[in-house]
């Protein structure tokens, strides 16, 4: 399966936290910025990306707490950084318990507040 095929499958199977965030990012709802979901960037597929601002947003579940996954996340974030992107990571639980704070953090990172 090619990466674009993987991205299409992921777009059709968003997690509940991805669905919630996507409702606020889609259709230029967030400061009139265009976000895309499940975007291939190099060898990775990122959860959300705003290409004009070079921002990636990743939503992480509990599996990211394991040492091997933490190491992979560091490598992934470095790859994105080396290719001009800033990566923001949020825990899935924050989407449900601290959603306003998540949106504020994204806006602050983009110097919109």
PDB file of N, CA and C in Angstrom:
ATOM      1  N   UNK A   1       0.842  -1.178   0.000  1.00  0.00           N
ATOM      2  CA  UNK A   1       0.000   0.000   0.000  1.00  0.00           C
ATOM      3  C   UNK A   1       0.889   1.245   0.000  1.00  0.00           C
ATOM      4  N   UNK A   2       0.600   2.173  -0.896  1.00  0.00           N
ATOM      5  CA  UNK A   2       1.383   3.396  -0.981  1.00  0.00           C
ATOM      6  C   UNK A   2       0.980   4.380   0.109  1.00  0.00           C
ATOM      7  N   UNK A   3       1.860   5.341   0.365  1.00  0.00           N
ATOM      8  CA  UNK A   3       1.606   6.298   1.436  1.00  0.00           C
ATOM      9  C   UNK A   3       0.319   7.088   1.200  1.00  0.00           C
ATOM     10  N   UNK A   4       0.036   7.467  -0.042  1.00  0.00           N
ATOM     11  CA  UNK A   4      -1.204   8.204  -0.309  1.00  0.00           C
ATOM     12  C   UNK A   4      -2.423   7.341  -0.016  1.00  0.00           C
ATOM     13  N   UNK A   5      -2.331   6.043  -0.274  1.00  0.00           N
ATOM     14  CA  UNK A   5      -3.417   5.124   0.067  1.00  0.00           C
ATOM     15  C   UNK A   5      -3.599   5.047   1.590  1.00  0.00           C
ATOM     16  N   UNK A   6      -2.469   4.983   2.316  1.00  0.00           N
ATOM     17  CA  UNK A   6      -2.528   4.966   3.779  1.00  0.00           C
ATOM     18  C   UNK A   6      -3.190   6.237   4.306  1.00  0.00           C
ATOM     19  N   UNK A   7      -2.824   7.376   3.734  1.00  0.00           N
ATOM     20  CA  UNK A   7      -3.399   8.649   4.168  1.00  0.00           C
ATOM     21  C   UNK A   7      -4.907   8.663   3.928  1.00  0.00           C
ATOM     22  N   UNK A   8      -5.345   8.141   2.787  1.00  0.00           N
ATOM     23  CA  UNK A   8      -6.785   8.085   2.495  1.00  0.00           C
ATOM     24  C   UNK A   8      -7.524   7.216   3.500  1.00  0.00           C
ATOM     25  N   UNK A   9      -6.949   6.086   3.859  1.00  0.00           N
ATOM     26  CA  UNK A   9      -7.564   5.199   4.856  1.00  0.00           C
ATOM     27  C   UNK A   9      -7.660   5.922   6.198  1.00  0.00           C
ATOM     28  N   UNK A  10      -6.587   6.608   6.586  1.00  0.00           N
ATOM     29  CA  UNK A  10      -6.586   7.332   7.857  1.00  0.00           C
ATOM     30  C   UNK A  10      -7.623   8.465   7.854  1.00  0.00           C
ATOM     31  N   UNK A  11      -7.787   9.146   6.714  1.00  0.00           N
ATOM     32  CA  UNK A  11      -8.779  10.228   6.624  1.00  0.00           C
ATOM     33  C   UNK A  11     -10.192   9.712   6.847  1.00  0.00           C
ATOM     34  N   UNK A  12     -10.432   8.492   6.406  1.00  0.00           N
ATOM     35  CA  UNK A  12     -11.770   7.904   6.536  1.00  0.00           C
ATOM     36  C   UNK A  12     -12.015   7.319   7.922  1.00  0.00           C
ATOM     37  N   UNK A  13     -10.960   7.176   8.718  1.00  0.00           N
ATOM     38  CA  UNK A  13     -11.068   6.527  10.025  1.00  0.00           C
ATOM     39  C   UNK A  13     -10.487   7.400  11.129  1.00  0.00           C
ATOM     40  N   UNK A  14     -10.915   8.645  11.191  1.00  0.00           N
ATOM     41  CA  UNK A  14     -10.411   9.543  12.224  1.00  0.00           C
ATOM     42  C   UNK A  14     -10.819   9.060  13.614  1.00  0.00           C
ATOM     43  N   UNK A  15      -9.956   9.304  14.576  1.00  0.00           N
ATOM     44  CA  UNK A  15     -10.295   9.013  15.964  1.00  0.00           C
ATOM     45  C   UNK A  15     -11.284  10.074  16.445  1.00  0.00           C
ATOM     46  N   UNK A  16     -11.894   9.843  17.584  1.00  0.00           N
ATOM     47  CA  UNK A  16     -12.843  10.826  18.122  1.00  0.00           C
ATOM     48  C   UNK A  16     -12.151  12.157  18.411  1.00  0.00           C
ATOM     49  N   UNK A  17     -10.937  12.106  18.923  1.00  0.00           N
ATOM     50  CA  UNK A  17     -10.225  13.361  19.197  1.00  0.00           C
ATOM     51  C   UNK A  17      -9.878  14.085  17.897  1.00  0.00           C
ATOM     52  N   UNK A  18      -9.491  13.347  16.865  1.00  0.00           N
ATOM     53  CA  UNK A  18      -9.207  13.962  15.566  1.00  0.00           C
ATOM     54  C   UNK A  18     -10.468  14.593  14.976  1.00  0.00           C
ATOM     55  N   UNK A  19     -11.602  13.912  15.103  1.00  0.00           N
ATOM     56  CA  UNK A  19     -12.865  14.460  14.593  1.00  0.00           C
ATOM     57  C   UNK A  19     -13.191  15.785  15.273  1.00  0.00           C
ATOM     58  N   UNK A  20     -13.016  15.825  16.588  1.00  0.00           N
ATOM     59  CA  UNK A  20     -13.344  17.044  17.331  1.00  0.00           C
ATOM     60  C   UNK A  20     -12.446  18.204  16.908  1.00  0.00           C
ATOM     61  N   UNK A  21     -11.151  17.974  16.835  1.00  0.00           N
ATOM     62  CA  UNK A  21     -10.241  19.043  16.428  1.00  0.00           C
ATOM     63  C   UNK A  21     -10.499  19.446  14.979  1.00  0.00           C
ATOM     64  N   UNK A  22     -10.746  18.476  14.122  1.00  0.00           N
ATOM     65  CA  UNK A  22     -10.977  18.760  12.704  1.00  0.00           C
ATOM     66  C   UNK A  22     -12.178  19.689  12.510  1.00  0.00           C
ATOM     67  N   UNK A  23     -13.206  19.543  13.326  1.00  0.00           N
ATOM     68  CA  UNK A  23     -14.379  20.422  13.224  1.00  0.00           C
ATOM     69  C   UNK A  23     -14.000  21.886  13.411  1.00  0.00           C
ATOM     70  N   UNK A  24     -12.939  22.151  14.164  1.00  0.00           N
ATOM     71  CA  UNK A  24     -12.517  23.534  14.404  1.00  0.00           C
ATOM     72  C   UNK A  24     -11.449  24.009  13.426  1.00  0.00           C
ATOM     73  N   UNK A  25     -10.751  23.082  12.784  1.00  0.00           N
ATOM     74  CA  UNK A  25      -9.690  23.461  11.854  1.00  0.00           C
ATOM     75  C   UNK A  25     -10.154  23.489  10.393  1.00  0.00           C
ATOM     76  N   UNK A  26     -11.154  22.718  10.076  1.00  0.00           N
ATOM     77  CA  UNK A  26     -11.559  22.546   8.667  1.00  0.00           C
ATOM     78  C   UNK A  26     -12.208  23.799   8.106  1.00  0.00           C
ATOM     79  N   UNK A  27     -12.231  23.876   6.791  1.00  0.00           N
ATOM     80  CA  UNK A  27     -12.931  24.936   6.048  1.00  0.00           C
ATOM     81  C   UNK A  27     -12.523  26.337   6.495  1.00  0.00           C
ATOM     82  N   UNK A  28     -11.258  26.491   6.831  1.00  0.00           N
ATOM     83  CA  UNK A  28     -10.723  27.793   7.251  1.00  0.00           C
ATOM     84  C   UNK A  28     -11.453  28.373   8.467  1.00  0.00           C
ATOM     85  N   UNK A  29     -11.968  27.495   9.328  1.00  0.00           N
ATOM     86  CA  UNK A  29     -12.667  27.928  10.542  1.00  0.00           C
ATOM     87  C   UNK A  29     -11.736  28.529  11.590  1.00  0.00           C
ATOM     88  N   UNK A  30     -10.460  28.221  11.518  1.00  0.00           N
ATOM     89  CA  UNK A  30      -9.502  28.650  12.532  1.00  0.00           C
ATOM     90  C   UNK A  30      -8.623  29.761  11.954  1.00  0.00           C
ATOM     91  N   UNK A  31      -8.963  31.004  12.284  1.00  0.00           N
ATOM     92  CA  UNK A  31      -8.204  32.169  11.820  1.00  0.00           C
ATOM     93  C   UNK A  31      -8.021  32.197  10.302  1.00  0.00           C
ATOM     94  N   UNK A  32      -8.988  31.640   9.584  1.00  0.00           N
ATOM     95  CA  UNK A  32      -8.979  31.616   8.121  1.00  0.00           C
ATOM     96  C   UNK A  32      -7.761  30.874   7.541  1.00  0.00           C
ATOM     97  N   UNK A  33      -7.178  29.974   8.301  1.00  0.00           N
ATOM     98  CA  UNK A  33      -6.036  29.182   7.821  1.00  0.00           C
ATOM     99  C   UNK A  33      -6.524  27.870   7.236  1.00  0.00           C
ATOM    100  N   UNK A  34      -5.858  27.426   6.195  1.00  0.00           N
ATOM    101  CA  UNK A  34      -6.212  26.154   5.563  1.00  0.00           C
ATOM    102  C   UNK A  34      -5.413  25.031   6.212  1.00  0.00           C
ATOM    103  N   UNK A  35      -6.123  24.141   6.876  1.00  0.00           N
ATOM    104  CA  UNK A  35      -5.519  22.940   7.446  1.00  0.00           C
ATOM    105  C   UNK A  35      -5.939  21.741   6.617  1.00  0.00           C
ATOM    106  N   UNK A  36      -5.063  20.771   6.538  1.00  0.00           N
ATOM    107  CA  UNK A  36      -5.366  19.486   5.902  1.00  0.00           C
ATOM    108  C   UNK A  36      -5.198  18.411   6.958  1.00  0.00           C
ATOM    109  N   UNK A  37      -5.864  17.278   6.742  1.00  0.00           N
ATOM    110  CA  UNK A  37      -5.756  16.181   7.713  1.00  0.00           C
ATOM    111  C   UNK A  37      -5.107  14.972   7.054  1.00  0.00           C
ATOM    112  N   UNK A  38      -4.389  14.220   7.876  1.00  0.00           N
ATOM    113  CA  UNK A  38      -3.690  13.009   7.427  1.00  0.00           C
ATOM    114  C   UNK A  38      -2.870  13.312   6.168  1.00  0.00           C
ATOM    115  N   UNK A  39      -1.871  14.148   6.361  1.00  0.00           N
ATOM    116  CA  UNK A  39      -1.076  14.692   5.259  1.00  0.00           C
ATOM    117  C   UNK A  39       0.273  13.980   5.169  1.00  0.00           C
ATOM    118  N   UNK A  40       0.604  13.429   4.005  1.00  0.00           N
ATOM    119  CA  UNK A  40       1.948  12.877   3.833  1.00  0.00           C
ATOM    120  C   UNK A  40       2.987  14.003   3.756  1.00  0.00           C
ATOM    121  N   UNK A  41       3.992  13.915   4.604  1.00  0.00           N
ATOM    122  CA  UNK A  41       5.141  14.824   4.549  1.00  0.00           C
ATOM    123  C   UNK A  41       6.361  13.930   4.588  1.00  0.00           C
ATOM    124  N   UNK A  42       7.004  13.819   3.454  1.00  0.00           N
ATOM    125  CA  UNK A  42       8.143  12.906   3.365  1.00  0.00           C
ATOM    126  C   UNK A  42       7.687  11.493   3.648  1.00  0.00           C
ATOM    127  N   UNK A  43       8.361  10.834   4.571  1.00  0.00           N
ATOM    128  CA  UNK A  43       8.047   9.432   4.878  1.00  0.00           C
ATOM    129  C   UNK A  43       6.997   9.278   5.970  1.00  0.00           C
ATOM    130  N   UNK A  44       6.441  10.392   6.435  1.00  0.00           N
ATOM    131  CA  UNK A  44       5.464  10.356   7.522  1.00  0.00           C
ATOM    132  C   UNK A  44       4.088  10.845   7.052  1.00  0.00           C
ATOM    133  N   UNK A  45       3.073  10.446   7.784  1.00  0.00           N
ATOM    134  CA  UNK A  45       1.731  10.989   7.605  1.00  0.00           C
ATOM    135  C   UNK A  45       1.389  11.677   8.913  1.00  0.00           C
ATOM    136  N   UNK A  46       1.165  12.992   8.840  1.00  0.00           N
ATOM    137  CA  UNK A  46       0.876  13.765  10.049  1.00  0.00           C
ATOM    138  C   UNK A  46      -0.632  13.932  10.194  1.00  0.00           C
ATOM    139  N   UNK A  47      -1.089  14.109  11.427  1.00  0.00           N
ATOM    140  CA  UNK A  47      -2.523  14.218  11.684  1.00  0.00           C
ATOM    141  C   UNK A  47      -3.125  15.447  11.009  1.00  0.00           C
ATOM    142  N   UNK A  48      -2.528  16.620  11.248  1.00  0.00           N
ATOM    143  CA  UNK A  48      -3.020  17.868  10.656  1.00  0.00           C
ATOM    144  C   UNK A  48      -1.828  18.718  10.257  1.00  0.00           C
ATOM    145  N   UNK A  49      -1.996  19.475   9.170  1.00  0.00           N
ATOM    146  CA  UNK A  49      -0.930  20.380   8.748  1.00  0.00           C
ATOM    147  C   UNK A  49      -1.518  21.635   8.137  1.00  0.00           C
ATOM    148  N   UNK A  50      -0.902  22.752   8.488  1.00  0.00           N
ATOM    149  CA  UNK A  50      -1.162  24.020   7.826  1.00  0.00           C
ATOM    150  C   UNK A  50       0.105  24.318   7.041  1.00  0.00           C
ATOM    151  N   UNK A  51       0.044  24.107   5.747  1.00  0.00           N
ATOM    152  CA  UNK A  51       1.237  24.209   4.920  1.00  0.00           C
ATOM    153  C   UNK A  51       1.759  25.653   4.859  1.00  0.00           C
ATOM    154  N   UNK A  52       0.860  26.633   4.795  1.00  0.00           N
ATOM    155  CA  UNK A  52       1.312  28.023   4.683  1.00  0.00           C
ATOM    156  C   UNK A  52       2.059  28.479   5.931  1.00  0.00           C
ATOM    157  N   UNK A  53       1.691  27.949   7.092  1.00  0.00           N
ATOM    158  CA  UNK A  53       2.361  28.316   8.340  1.00  0.00           C
ATOM    159  C   UNK A  53       3.411  27.286   8.750  1.00  0.00           C
ATOM    160  N   UNK A  54       3.528  26.212   7.964  1.00  0.00           N
ATOM    161  CA  UNK A  54       4.494  25.142   8.236  1.00  0.00           C
ATOM    162  C   UNK A  54       4.320  24.580   9.648  1.00  0.00           C
ATOM    163  N   UNK A  55       3.052  24.327   9.998  1.00  0.00           N
ATOM    164  CA  UNK A  55       2.724  23.799  11.318  1.00  0.00           C
ATOM    165  C   UNK A  55       2.071  22.435  11.191  1.00  0.00           C
ATOM    166  N   UNK A  56       2.536  21.503  11.992  1.00  0.00           N
ATOM    167  CA  UNK A  56       1.977  20.163  12.080  1.00  0.00           C
ATOM    168  C   UNK A  56       1.384  20.005  13.473  1.00  0.00           C
ATOM    169  N   UNK A  57       0.202  19.399  13.531  1.00  0.00           N
ATOM    170  CA  UNK A  57      -0.431  19.097  14.811  1.00  0.00           C
ATOM    171  C   UNK A  57      -0.625  17.593  14.886  1.00  0.00           C
ATOM    172  N   UNK A  58      -0.096  17.004  15.957  1.00  0.00           N
ATOM    173  CA  UNK A  58      -0.216  15.573  16.181  1.00  0.00           C
ATOM    174  C   UNK A  58      -1.024  15.330  17.451  1.00  0.00           C
ATOM    175  N   UNK A  59      -1.961  14.398  17.394  1.00  0.00           N
ATOM    176  CA  UNK A  59      -2.722  13.990  18.566  1.00  0.00           C
ATOM    177  C   UNK A  59      -2.244  12.609  18.975  1.00  0.00           C
ATOM    178  N   UNK A  60      -1.809  12.507  20.216  1.00  0.00           N
ATOM    179  CA  UNK A  60      -1.182  11.280  20.687  1.00  0.00           C
ATOM    180  C   UNK A  60      -2.053  10.575  21.719  1.00  0.00           C
ATOM    181  N   UNK A  61      -2.153   9.263  21.557  1.00  0.00           N
ATOM    182  CA  UNK A  61      -2.817   8.412  22.532  1.00  0.00           C
ATOM    183  C   UNK A  61      -1.803   7.841  23.499  1.00  0.00           C
ATOM    184  N   UNK A  62      -2.272   6.989  24.399  1.00  0.00           N
ATOM    185  CA  UNK A  62      -1.434   6.406  25.433  1.00  0.00           C
ATOM    186  C   UNK A  62      -0.245   5.618  24.920  1.00  0.00           C
ATOM    187  N   UNK A  63      -0.349   5.083  23.702  1.00  0.00           N
ATOM    188  CA  UNK A  63       0.764   4.294  23.160  1.00  0.00           C
ATOM    189  C   UNK A  63       2.027   5.139  23.005  1.00  0.00           C
ATOM    190  N   UNK A  64       1.898   6.458  22.980  1.00  0.00           N
ATOM    191  CA  UNK A  64       3.065   7.334  22.848  1.00  0.00           C
ATOM    192  C   UNK A  64       3.832   7.474  24.155  1.00  0.00           C
ATOM    193  N   UNK A  65       3.317   6.913  25.236  1.00  0.00           N
ATOM    194  CA  UNK A  65       4.017   6.936  26.516  1.00  0.00           C
ATOM    195  C   UNK A  65       5.123   5.888  26.605  1.00  0.00           C
ATOM    196  N   UNK A  66       5.102   4.910  25.726  1.00  0.00           N
ATOM    197  CA  UNK A  66       6.119   3.866  25.751  1.00  0.00           C
ATOM    198  C   UNK A  66       7.438   4.406  25.212  1.00  0.00           C
ATOM    199  N   UNK A  67       8.526   4.002  25.850  1.00  0.00           N
ATOM    200  CA  UNK A  67       9.852   4.516  25.502  1.00  0.00           C
ATOM    201  C   UNK A  67      10.160   4.413  24.012  1.00  0.00           C
ATOM    202  N   UNK A  68       9.845   3.270  23.407  1.00  0.00           N
ATOM    203  CA  UNK A  68      10.160   3.097  21.980  1.00  0.00           C
ATOM    204  C   UNK A  68       9.380   4.091  21.118  1.00  0.00           C
ATOM    205  N   UNK A  69       8.145   4.384  21.498  1.00  0.00           N
ATOM    206  CA  UNK A  69       7.351   5.351  20.728  1.00  0.00           C
ATOM    207  C   UNK A  69       7.799   6.780  20.991  1.00  0.00           C
ATOM    208  N   UNK A  70       8.231   7.067  22.205  1.00  0.00           N
ATOM    209  CA  UNK A  70       8.763   8.398  22.499  1.00  0.00           C
ATOM    210  C   UNK A  70       9.980   8.685  21.630  1.00  0.00           C
ATOM    211  N   UNK A  71      10.838   7.691  21.489  1.00  0.00           N
ATOM    212  CA  UNK A  71      12.030   7.842  20.651  1.00  0.00           C
ATOM    213  C   UNK A  71      11.642   8.075  19.187  1.00  0.00           C
ATOM    214  N   UNK A  72      10.640   7.339  18.709  1.00  0.00           N
ATOM    215  CA  UNK A  72      10.173   7.515  17.329  1.00  0.00           C
ATOM    216  C   UNK A  72       9.590   8.909  17.124  1.00  0.00           C
ATOM    217  N   UNK A  73       8.877   9.415  18.142  1.00  0.00           N
ATOM    218  CA  UNK A  73       8.302  10.756  18.044  1.00  0.00           C
ATOM    219  C   UNK A  73       9.393  11.818  17.948  1.00  0.00           C
ATOM    220  N   UNK A  74      10.474  11.642  18.709  1.00  0.00           N
ATOM    221  CA  UNK A  74      11.591  12.585  18.657  1.00  0.00           C
ATOM    222  C   UNK A  74      12.212  12.588  17.262  1.00  0.00           C
ATOM    223  N   UNK A  75      12.406  11.408  16.703  1.00  0.00           N
ATOM    224  CA  UNK A  75      12.978  11.292  15.357  1.00  0.00           C
ATOM    225  C   UNK A  75      12.043  11.925  14.325  1.00  0.00           C
ATOM    226  N   UNK A  76      10.769  11.665  14.456  1.00  0.00           N
ATOM    227  CA  UNK A  76       9.754  12.222  13.546  1.00  0.00           C
ATOM    228  C   UNK A  76       9.728  13.747  13.637  1.00  0.00           C
ATOM    229  N   UNK A  77       9.714  14.268  14.871  1.00  0.00           N
ATOM    230  CA  UNK A  77       9.686  15.720  15.050  1.00  0.00           C
ATOM    231  C   UNK A  77      10.948  16.372  14.484  1.00  0.00           C
ATOM    232  N   UNK A  78      12.089  15.726  14.650  1.00  0.00           N
ATOM    233  CA  UNK A  78      13.332  16.255  14.087  1.00  0.00           C
ATOM    234  C   UNK A  78      13.261  16.275  12.565  1.00  0.00           C
ATOM    235  N   UNK A  79      12.741  15.213  11.970  1.00  0.00           N
ATOM    236  CA  UNK A  79      12.580  15.163  10.517  1.00  0.00           C
ATOM    237  C   UNK A  79      11.700  16.330  10.047  1.00  0.00           C
ATOM    238  N   UNK A  80      10.582  16.534  10.738  1.00  0.00           N
ATOM    239  CA  UNK A  80       9.679  17.631  10.367  1.00  0.00           C
ATOM    240  C   UNK A  80      10.384  18.977  10.520  1.00  0.00           C
ATOM    241  N   UNK A  81      11.090  19.164  11.633  1.00  0.00           N
ATOM    242  CA  UNK A  81      11.831  20.405  11.872  1.00  0.00           C
ATOM    243  C   UNK A  81      12.871  20.634  10.774  1.00  0.00           C
ATOM    244  N   UNK A  82      13.600  19.584  10.442  1.00  0.00           N
ATOM    245  CA  UNK A  82      14.632  19.696   9.400  1.00  0.00           C
ATOM    246  C   UNK A  82      14.040  20.044   8.041  1.00  0.00           C
ATOM    247  N   UNK A  83      12.738  19.797   7.884  1.00  0.00           N
ATOM    248  CA  UNK A  83      12.052  20.123   6.633  1.00  0.00           C
ATOM    249  C   UNK A  83      11.184  21.375   6.765  1.00  0.00           C
ATOM    250  N   UNK A  84      11.475  22.170   7.794  1.00  0.00           N
ATOM    251  CA  UNK A  84      10.857  23.478   7.921  1.00  0.00           C
ATOM    252  C   UNK A  84       9.550  23.534   8.691  1.00  0.00           C
ATOM    253  N   UNK A  85       9.141  22.445   9.320  1.00  0.00           N
ATOM    254  CA  UNK A  85       7.869  22.399  10.041  1.00  0.00           C
ATOM    255  C   UNK A  85       8.089  22.452  11.547  1.00  0.00           C
ATOM    256  N   UNK A  86       7.145  23.066  12.221  1.00  0.00           N
ATOM    257  CA  UNK A  86       7.064  23.034  13.677  1.00  0.00           C
ATOM    258  C   UNK A  86       5.973  22.028  14.013  1.00  0.00           C
ATOM    259  N   UNK A  87       6.246  21.112  14.924  1.00  0.00           N
ATOM    260  CA  UNK A  87       5.260  20.105  15.314  1.00  0.00           C
ATOM    261  C   UNK A  87       4.759  20.396  16.722  1.00  0.00           C
ATOM    262  N   UNK A  88       3.445  20.454  16.866  1.00  0.00           N
ATOM    263  CA  UNK A  88       2.806  20.555  18.167  1.00  0.00           C
ATOM    264  C   UNK A  88       2.159  19.212  18.470  1.00  0.00           C
ATOM    265  N   UNK A  89       2.343  18.740  19.685  1.00  0.00           N
ATOM    266  CA  UNK A  89       1.751  17.471  20.103  1.00  0.00           C
ATOM    267  C   UNK A  89       0.805  17.701  21.264  1.00  0.00           C
ATOM    268  N   UNK A  90      -0.346  17.067  21.176  1.00  0.00           N
ATOM    269  CA  UNK A  90      -1.330  17.122  22.244  1.00  0.00           C
ATOM    270  C   UNK A  90      -1.776  15.701  22.552  1.00  0.00           C
ATOM    271  N   UNK A  91      -2.097  15.455  23.815  1.00  0.00           N
ATOM    272  CA  UNK A  91      -2.667  14.167  24.192  1.00  0.00           C
ATOM    273  C   UNK A  91      -4.138  14.156  23.792  1.00  0.00           C
ATOM    274  N   UNK A  92      -4.626  13.010  23.394  1.00  0.00           N
ATOM    275  CA  UNK A  92      -6.044  12.877  23.049  1.00  0.00           C
ATOM    276  C   UNK A  92      -6.938  13.385  24.173  1.00  0.00           C
ATOM    277  N   UNK A  93      -6.578  13.080  25.411  1.00  0.00           N
ATOM    278  CA  UNK A  93      -7.408  13.471  26.547  1.00  0.00           C
ATOM    279  C   UNK A  93      -7.550  14.986  26.635  1.00  0.00           C
ATOM    280  N   UNK A  94      -6.517  15.719  26.203  1.00  0.00           N
ATOM    281  CA  UNK A  94      -6.591  17.185  26.230  1.00  0.00           C
ATOM    282  C   UNK A  94      -7.640  17.728  25.270  1.00  0.00           C
ATOM    283  N   UNK A  95      -7.889  17.011  24.203  1.00  0.00           N
ATOM    284  CA  UNK A  95      -8.917  17.441  23.253  1.00  0.00           C
ATOM    285  C   UNK A  95     -10.284  17.429  23.932  1.00  0.00           C
ATOM    286  N   UNK A  96     -10.488  16.504  24.848  1.00  0.00           N
ATOM    287  CA  UNK A  96     -11.779  16.387  25.517  1.00  0.00           C
ATOM    288  C   UNK A  96     -11.859  17.165  26.834  1.00  0.00           C
ATOM    289  N   UNK A  97     -10.725  17.351  27.504  1.00  0.00           N
ATOM    290  CA  UNK A  97     -10.762  17.984  28.825  1.00  0.00           C
ATOM    291  C   UNK A  97     -10.239  19.417  28.826  1.00  0.00           C
ATOM    292  N   UNK A  98      -9.388  19.768  27.876  1.00  0.00           N
ATOM    293  CA  UNK A  98      -8.762  21.101  27.850  1.00  0.00           C
ATOM    294  C   UNK A  98      -8.795  21.696  26.442  1.00  0.00           C
ATOM    295  N   UNK A  99      -9.917  21.554  25.761  1.00  0.00           N
ATOM    296  CA  UNK A  99      -9.970  21.902  24.341  1.00  0.00           C
ATOM    297  C   UNK A  99      -9.665  23.381  24.080  1.00  0.00           C
ATOM    298  N   UNK A 100     -10.208  24.262  24.889  1.00  0.00           N
ATOM    299  CA  UNK A 100      -9.937  25.691  24.683  1.00  0.00           C
ATOM    300  C   UNK A 100      -8.450  25.988  24.811  1.00  0.00           C
ATOM    301  N   UNK A 101      -7.806  25.325  25.743  1.00  0.00           N
ATOM    302  CA  UNK A 101      -6.365  25.497  25.928  1.00  0.00           C
ATOM    303  C   UNK A 101      -5.581  24.994  24.715  1.00  0.00           C
ATOM    304  N   UNK A 102      -6.025  23.893  24.128  1.00  0.00           N
ATOM    305  CA  UNK A 102      -5.386  23.360  22.921  1.00  0.00           C
ATOM    306  C   UNK A 102      -5.479  24.390  21.798  1.00  0.00           C
ATOM    307  N   UNK A 103      -6.672  24.932  21.566  1.00  0.00           N
ATOM    308  CA  UNK A 103      -6.851  25.925  20.505  1.00  0.00           C
ATOM    309  C   UNK A 103      -6.020  27.174  20.784  1.00  0.00           C
ATOM    310  N   UNK A 104      -5.964  27.582  22.043  1.00  0.00           N
ATOM    311  CA  UNK A 104      -5.167  28.756  22.400  1.00  0.00           C
ATOM    312  C   UNK A 104      -3.680  28.505  22.157  1.00  0.00           C
ATOM    313  N   UNK A 105      -3.211  27.310  22.494  1.00  0.00           N
ATOM    314  CA  UNK A 105      -1.808  26.963  22.270  1.00  0.00           C
ATOM    315  C   UNK A 105      -1.469  27.006  20.788  1.00  0.00           C
ATOM    316  N   UNK A 106      -2.347  26.479  19.957  1.00  0.00           N
ATOM    317  CA  UNK A 106      -2.124  26.508  18.507  1.00  0.00           C
ATOM    318  C   UNK A 106      -2.064  27.954  18.020  1.00  0.00           C
ATOM    319  N   UNK A 107      -3.020  28.768  18.448  1.00  0.00           N
ATOM    320  CA  UNK A 107      -3.066  30.171  18.028  1.00  0.00           C
ATOM    321  C   UNK A 107      -1.818  30.918  18.489  1.00  0.00           C
ATOM    322  N   UNK A 108      -1.393  30.681  19.712  1.00  0.00           N
ATOM    323  CA  UNK A 108      -0.191  31.357  20.226  1.00  0.00           C
ATOM    324  C   UNK A 108       1.053  30.933  19.434  1.00  0.00           C
ATOM    325  N   UNK A 109       1.141  29.657  19.101  1.00  0.00           N
ATOM    326  CA  UNK A 109       2.294  29.170  18.332  1.00  0.00           C
ATOM    327  C   UNK A 109       2.362  29.850  16.971  1.00  0.00           C
ATOM    328  N   UNK A 110       1.210  30.188  16.435  1.00  0.00           N
ATOM    329  CA  UNK A 110       1.144  30.854  15.125  1.00  0.00           C
ATOM    330  C   UNK A 110       1.173  32.382  15.254  1.00  0.00           C
ATOM    331  N   UNK A 111       1.416  32.869  16.478  1.00  0.00           N
ATOM    332  CA  UNK A 111       1.440  34.314  16.754  1.00  0.00           C
ATOM    333  C   UNK A 111       0.143  35.004  16.355  1.00  0.00           C
ATOM    334  N   UNK A 112      -0.972  34.360  16.631  1.00  0.00           N
ATOM    335  CA  UNK A 112      -2.274  34.904  16.280  1.00  0.00           C
ATOM    336  C   UNK A 112      -2.975  35.535  17.479  1.00  0.00           C
ATOM    337  N   UNK A 113      -2.402  35.370  18.654  1.00  0.00           N
ATOM    338  CA  UNK A 113      -2.980  35.972  19.876  1.00  0.00           C
ATOM    339  C   UNK A 113      -1.989  36.946  20.479  1.00  0.00           C
TER     340      UNK A 113
END
